[in-house]
Protein backbone atom coordinates (compact mmCIF):
# COMPACT_ATOMS: atom_id res chain seq x y z
CA UNK A 1 139.95 111.77 96.20
CA UNK A 2 139.03 108.64 94.34
CA UNK A 3 135.47 107.34 94.10
CA UNK A 4 136.38 104.22 96.11
CA UNK A 5 137.75 106.23 98.99
CA UNK A 6 134.64 108.45 99.00
CA UNK A 7 132.35 105.42 99.16
CA UNK A 8 134.37 103.91 102.02
CA UNK A 9 134.44 107.15 104.01
CA UNK A 10 130.66 107.68 103.47
CA UNK A 11 130.00 104.11 104.71
CA UNK A 12 132.17 104.55 107.78
CA UNK A 13 130.41 107.79 108.58
CA UNK A 14 126.97 106.26 108.30
CA UNK A 15 128.10 103.29 110.35
CA UNK A 16 129.21 105.61 113.18
CA UNK A 17 125.94 107.60 112.97
CA UNK A 18 124.02 104.31 113.06
CA UNK A 19 125.87 103.31 116.27
CA UNK A 20 125.18 106.76 117.80
CA UNK A 21 121.49 106.42 116.94
CA UNK A 22 121.19 102.95 118.47
CA UNK A 23 122.87 104.10 121.65
CA UNK A 24 120.58 107.10 121.78
CA UNK A 25 117.52 104.87 121.30
CA UNK A 26 118.68 102.58 124.09
CA UNK A 27 119.05 105.47 126.56
CA UNK A 28 115.73 107.25 125.84
CA UNK A 29 112.07 106.51 126.82
CA UNK A 30 109.68 106.64 123.88
CA UNK A 31 106.63 105.96 125.94
CA UNK A 32 106.32 102.25 125.09
CA UNK A 33 108.67 99.39 124.29
CA UNK A 34 107.01 99.02 120.89
CA UNK A 35 108.00 102.54 119.87
CA UNK A 36 111.56 101.96 121.00
CA UNK A 37 111.65 98.70 119.05
CA UNK A 38 110.24 100.38 115.98
CA UNK A 39 112.89 103.10 116.04
CA UNK A 40 115.63 100.54 116.67
CA UNK A 41 114.35 98.40 113.79
CA UNK A 42 114.17 101.41 111.39
CA UNK A 43 117.63 102.56 112.16
CA UNK A 44 119.23 99.06 112.05
CA UNK A 45 117.35 97.72 109.03
CA UNK A 46 117.03 100.71 106.67
CA UNK A 47 120.51 101.71 105.77
CA UNK A 48 121.33 105.45 105.44
CA UNK A 49 117.68 106.62 105.42
CA UNK A 50 116.82 105.19 108.84
CA UNK A 51 119.55 107.17 110.62
CA UNK A 52 118.57 110.43 108.85
CA UNK A 53 114.91 109.95 109.70
CA UNK A 54 115.73 109.12 113.30
CA UNK A 55 117.89 112.20 113.84
CA UNK A 56 115.34 114.45 112.10
CA UNK A 57 112.22 113.14 113.78
CA UNK A 58 112.78 110.42 116.38
CA UNK A 59 115.57 112.00 118.47
CA UNK A 60 113.18 114.71 119.60
CA UNK A 61 110.34 112.30 120.50
CA UNK A 62 112.31 110.29 123.02
CA UNK A 63 112.82 111.62 126.57
CA UNK A 64 115.77 110.95 128.73
CA UNK A 65 114.89 109.22 131.98
CA UNK A 66 114.66 111.41 135.04
CA UNK A 67 117.75 109.83 136.58
CA UNK A 68 119.93 110.91 133.67
CA UNK A 69 118.57 114.44 133.70
CA UNK A 70 119.12 114.76 137.45
CA UNK A 71 122.67 113.54 137.15
CA UNK A 72 123.42 116.03 134.35
CA UNK A 73 122.02 118.94 136.45
CA UNK A 74 124.41 118.33 139.41
CA UNK A 75 127.30 120.70 139.70
CA UNK A 76 130.63 119.29 138.61
CA UNK A 77 129.18 117.07 135.87
CA UNK A 78 130.40 118.14 132.41
C-alpha cells in the first residue's frame, strides 16, 4: 500500500470516528449544556486527538436519557 493511500484511509477513518463521536455527544446528557458544548468543541476542533480523548474519557461520562434506556429495554428492540 502506498503512503498516499494510507494517509487517505486514515483520514477517512478519523472522519467517520468524528461523526460517530458528534452523534454520541448529541444523544447523551453530560449534566450541563456547557459540558456538552465543550466535548463537541473538542471533538470538532482538535483533529485526531479530540476523538481519541472523547472515546477514552468522555463517552463514559455522558448518560443516555431515560427515554432511550427505556426504549432499549423493551422486548423486541434489537
